[in-house]
N, C-alpha and C. Protein backbone atom coordinates (compact mmCIF):
# COMPACT_ATOMS: atom_id res chain seq x y z
N MET A 1 47.75 66.57 154.41
CA MET A 1 48.10 67.84 155.01
C MET A 1 48.90 68.49 153.78
N THR A 2 48.89 69.87 153.88
CA THR A 2 49.66 70.62 153.00
C THR A 2 50.93 71.07 153.50
N ASN A 3 51.86 71.52 152.69
CA ASN A 3 53.13 71.95 152.87
C ASN A 3 52.91 73.15 153.80
N SER A 4 53.47 73.10 155.07
CA SER A 4 53.40 74.31 156.14
C SER A 4 54.57 75.17 156.07
N ARG A 5 55.46 74.98 155.15
CA ARG A 5 56.47 75.72 155.05
C ARG A 5 56.30 77.15 154.58
N LEU A 6 56.55 78.19 155.04
CA LEU A 6 56.08 79.57 154.57
C LEU A 6 57.10 80.02 153.45
N ASN A 7 56.56 80.75 152.43
CA ASN A 7 57.41 81.41 151.29
C ASN A 7 58.03 82.50 151.98
N ARG A 8 59.38 82.48 151.74
CA ARG A 8 60.02 84.00 152.35
C ARG A 8 59.48 85.06 151.06
N MET A 9 59.25 86.29 151.92
CA MET A 9 58.84 87.32 150.87
C MET A 9 59.75 88.67 151.12
N PHE A 10 59.86 89.13 150.15
CA PHE A 10 60.66 90.40 150.27
C PHE A 10 59.93 91.61 149.96
N ARG A 11 60.32 92.83 150.71
CA ARG A 11 59.66 93.94 150.58
C ARG A 11 60.43 94.72 149.51
N LEU A 12 59.99 95.89 148.65
CA LEU A 12 60.65 96.63 147.97
C LEU A 12 61.90 97.13 148.38
N ARG A 13 61.88 97.47 149.64
CA ARG A 13 63.13 98.20 150.11
C ARG A 13 64.43 97.10 150.17
N GLU A 14 64.05 95.94 150.09
CA GLU A 14 64.85 94.76 150.18
C GLU A 14 65.29 94.27 148.82
N LEU A 15 64.65 94.60 147.90
CA LEU A 15 65.04 93.98 146.55
C LEU A 15 66.54 94.67 145.98
N PRO A 16 66.73 95.84 146.10
CA PRO A 16 68.12 96.28 145.57
C PRO A 16 69.19 95.53 145.96
N GLU A 17 69.22 95.03 147.26
CA GLU A 17 70.41 94.23 147.72
C GLU A 17 70.21 92.75 147.39
N PHE A 18 69.10 92.30 147.01
CA PHE A 18 68.87 90.98 146.71
C PHE A 18 69.00 90.72 144.95
N VAL A 19 68.62 91.66 144.47
CA VAL A 19 68.75 91.49 143.08
C VAL A 19 69.98 92.55 142.12
N GLY A 20 70.21 93.55 143.01
CA GLY A 20 71.43 94.43 142.31
C GLY A 20 70.92 95.36 141.51
N LEU A 21 69.75 95.81 141.54
CA LEU A 21 69.08 96.96 140.71
C LEU A 21 68.39 98.00 141.71
N ARG A 22 68.41 99.23 141.23
CA ARG A 22 67.64 100.41 141.96
C ARG A 22 66.17 99.91 141.69
N ARG A 23 65.54 100.68 142.85
CA ARG A 23 64.13 100.55 142.82
C ARG A 23 63.29 100.96 141.73
N THR A 24 63.90 102.06 141.11
CA THR A 24 63.38 102.75 139.90
C THR A 24 63.44 101.48 138.66
N GLN A 25 64.67 101.05 138.48
CA GLN A 25 65.04 100.14 137.59
C GLN A 25 64.00 98.87 137.77
N ILE A 26 63.93 98.48 138.98
CA ILE A 26 62.82 97.37 139.19
C ILE A 26 61.56 97.74 138.72
N GLY A 27 61.05 98.96 139.02
CA GLY A 27 59.59 99.42 138.83
C GLY A 27 59.55 99.41 137.22
N GLU A 28 60.77 99.93 136.45
CA GLU A 28 60.59 99.90 134.93
C GLU A 28 60.38 98.44 134.43
N LEU A 29 61.29 97.52 135.06
CA LEU A 29 61.24 96.16 134.51
C LEU A 29 59.83 95.39 134.62
N ILE A 30 59.17 95.71 135.96
CA ILE A 30 58.01 95.27 136.20
C ILE A 30 56.75 95.68 134.93
N LYS A 31 56.82 97.06 134.77
CA LYS A 31 56.11 97.58 133.75
C LYS A 31 56.22 96.78 132.34
N THR A 32 57.44 96.41 132.04
CA THR A 32 57.51 95.79 130.88
C THR A 32 57.52 94.30 130.83
N GLY A 33 57.14 93.89 131.99
CA GLY A 33 57.11 92.30 132.14
C GLY A 33 58.17 91.49 132.23
N GLU A 34 59.34 92.26 132.71
CA GLU A 34 60.75 91.70 132.56
C GLU A 34 61.08 91.32 134.07
N PHE A 35 60.21 91.40 135.22
CA PHE A 35 60.41 91.43 136.39
C PHE A 35 59.18 90.66 137.01
N PRO A 36 59.37 90.03 138.09
CA PRO A 36 57.95 89.28 138.41
C PRO A 36 57.35 90.36 139.23
N LYS A 37 55.95 90.14 139.09
CA LYS A 37 55.03 91.19 139.60
C LYS A 37 55.05 90.98 141.18
N PRO A 38 54.64 92.00 142.02
CA PRO A 38 54.38 91.68 143.41
C PRO A 38 53.23 91.26 143.65
N ILE A 39 53.17 90.76 145.01
CA ILE A 39 51.89 90.17 145.50
C ILE A 39 51.47 91.15 146.46
N PRO A 40 50.35 91.46 146.29
CA PRO A 40 49.74 92.30 147.05
C PRO A 40 49.36 91.68 148.62
N LEU A 41 50.00 92.43 149.76
CA LEU A 41 49.94 92.01 151.09
C LEU A 41 48.56 92.60 151.94
N SER A 42 47.84 93.56 151.19
CA SER A 42 46.71 94.06 151.70
C SER A 42 45.83 94.41 150.80
N ASP A 43 44.59 94.77 151.17
CA ASP A 43 43.42 94.78 150.20
C ASP A 43 43.47 95.97 149.55
N THR A 44 44.13 97.02 149.99
CA THR A 44 44.41 98.25 149.21
C THR A 44 45.55 98.16 148.18
N GLY A 45 46.32 97.33 148.44
CA GLY A 45 47.52 97.10 147.48
C GLY A 45 48.72 97.78 147.61
N ARG A 46 48.51 98.55 148.79
CA ARG A 46 49.85 99.60 149.01
C ARG A 46 50.98 98.75 149.55
N ALA A 47 50.70 97.67 150.34
CA ALA A 47 51.93 96.80 150.90
C ALA A 47 51.92 95.72 149.81
N VAL A 48 53.14 95.51 149.19
CA VAL A 48 53.46 94.28 148.22
C VAL A 48 54.70 93.56 148.66
N ALA A 49 54.84 92.46 148.12
CA ALA A 49 56.04 91.95 148.31
C ALA A 49 56.11 90.92 147.20
N TRP A 50 57.70 90.25 147.14
CA TRP A 50 57.80 89.44 146.12
C TRP A 50 58.24 87.85 146.57
N LEU A 51 57.57 86.89 146.23
CA LEU A 51 58.23 85.55 146.61
C LEU A 51 59.65 85.25 146.44
N GLU A 52 60.36 84.55 147.21
CA GLU A 52 61.76 84.24 147.20
C GLU A 52 61.71 83.36 145.76
N GLY A 53 60.85 82.61 145.63
CA GLY A 53 60.94 81.65 144.50
C GLY A 53 60.81 82.30 143.21
N ASP A 54 60.11 83.34 142.96
CA ASP A 54 59.84 84.25 142.00
C ASP A 54 61.17 84.91 141.51
N LEU A 55 61.72 85.49 142.48
CA LEU A 55 63.06 86.28 142.42
C LEU A 55 64.33 85.16 141.96
N ILE A 56 64.40 84.07 142.51
CA ILE A 56 65.37 83.11 142.18
C ILE A 56 65.18 82.65 140.77
N ALA A 57 63.81 82.58 140.33
CA ALA A 57 63.69 82.19 139.01
C ALA A 57 63.97 83.24 137.94
N TRP A 58 63.96 84.44 138.38
CA TRP A 58 64.12 85.79 137.60
C TRP A 58 65.55 85.78 137.37
N GLN A 59 66.48 85.43 138.50
CA GLN A 59 67.96 85.43 138.62
C GLN A 59 68.25 84.30 137.66
N ASN A 60 67.62 82.97 137.83
CA ASN A 60 68.16 82.05 136.93
C ASN A 60 67.91 82.24 135.45
N GLY A 61 66.83 83.07 135.10
CA GLY A 61 66.56 83.35 133.62
C GLY A 61 67.73 84.27 133.31
N ARG A 62 68.22 85.29 134.14
CA ARG A 62 69.50 86.30 133.62
C ARG A 62 70.45 85.57 133.60
N ILE A 63 70.89 84.57 134.22
CA ILE A 63 72.06 83.67 134.24
C ILE A 63 71.99 82.93 132.89
N ALA A 64 70.61 82.25 132.54
CA ALA A 64 70.77 81.59 131.52
C ALA A 64 70.81 82.36 130.06
N ALA A 65 70.15 83.62 130.19
CA ALA A 65 70.48 84.55 128.94
C ALA A 65 71.96 84.92 128.79
N ARG A 66 72.79 85.07 130.04
CA ARG A 66 74.16 85.45 129.86
C ARG A 66 74.70 84.24 129.25
N ASN A 67 74.46 83.01 129.70
CA ASN A 67 75.09 81.91 129.03
C ASN A 67 74.92 81.60 127.76
N ASN A 68 73.65 81.86 127.21
CA ASN A 68 73.38 81.65 125.81
C ASN A 68 74.26 82.73 124.95
N GLU A 69 74.12 84.01 125.36
CA GLU A 69 74.93 85.14 124.71
C GLU A 69 76.42 84.68 124.49
N SER A 70 76.97 84.05 125.48
CA SER A 70 78.42 83.62 125.48
C SER A 70 78.59 82.35 124.87
N ALA A 71 77.68 81.76 124.24
CA ALA A 71 77.80 80.60 123.50
C ALA A 71 78.24 80.59 122.14
């Protein structure tokens, strides 16, 4: 049996509160590869979301970068 726990997903309108960046900043970071890519929720690609695990990994990377700078 596979893991039946669902992954929490965040839509773009929720991201600013979760990551502390504006939507435009998030878009710029996605373009440069510095932020996780969204997952398409529909075949047209208009509805997208981000996995909570990807966002947590991104946050941990930012924390690690901060800690390495202060070392």
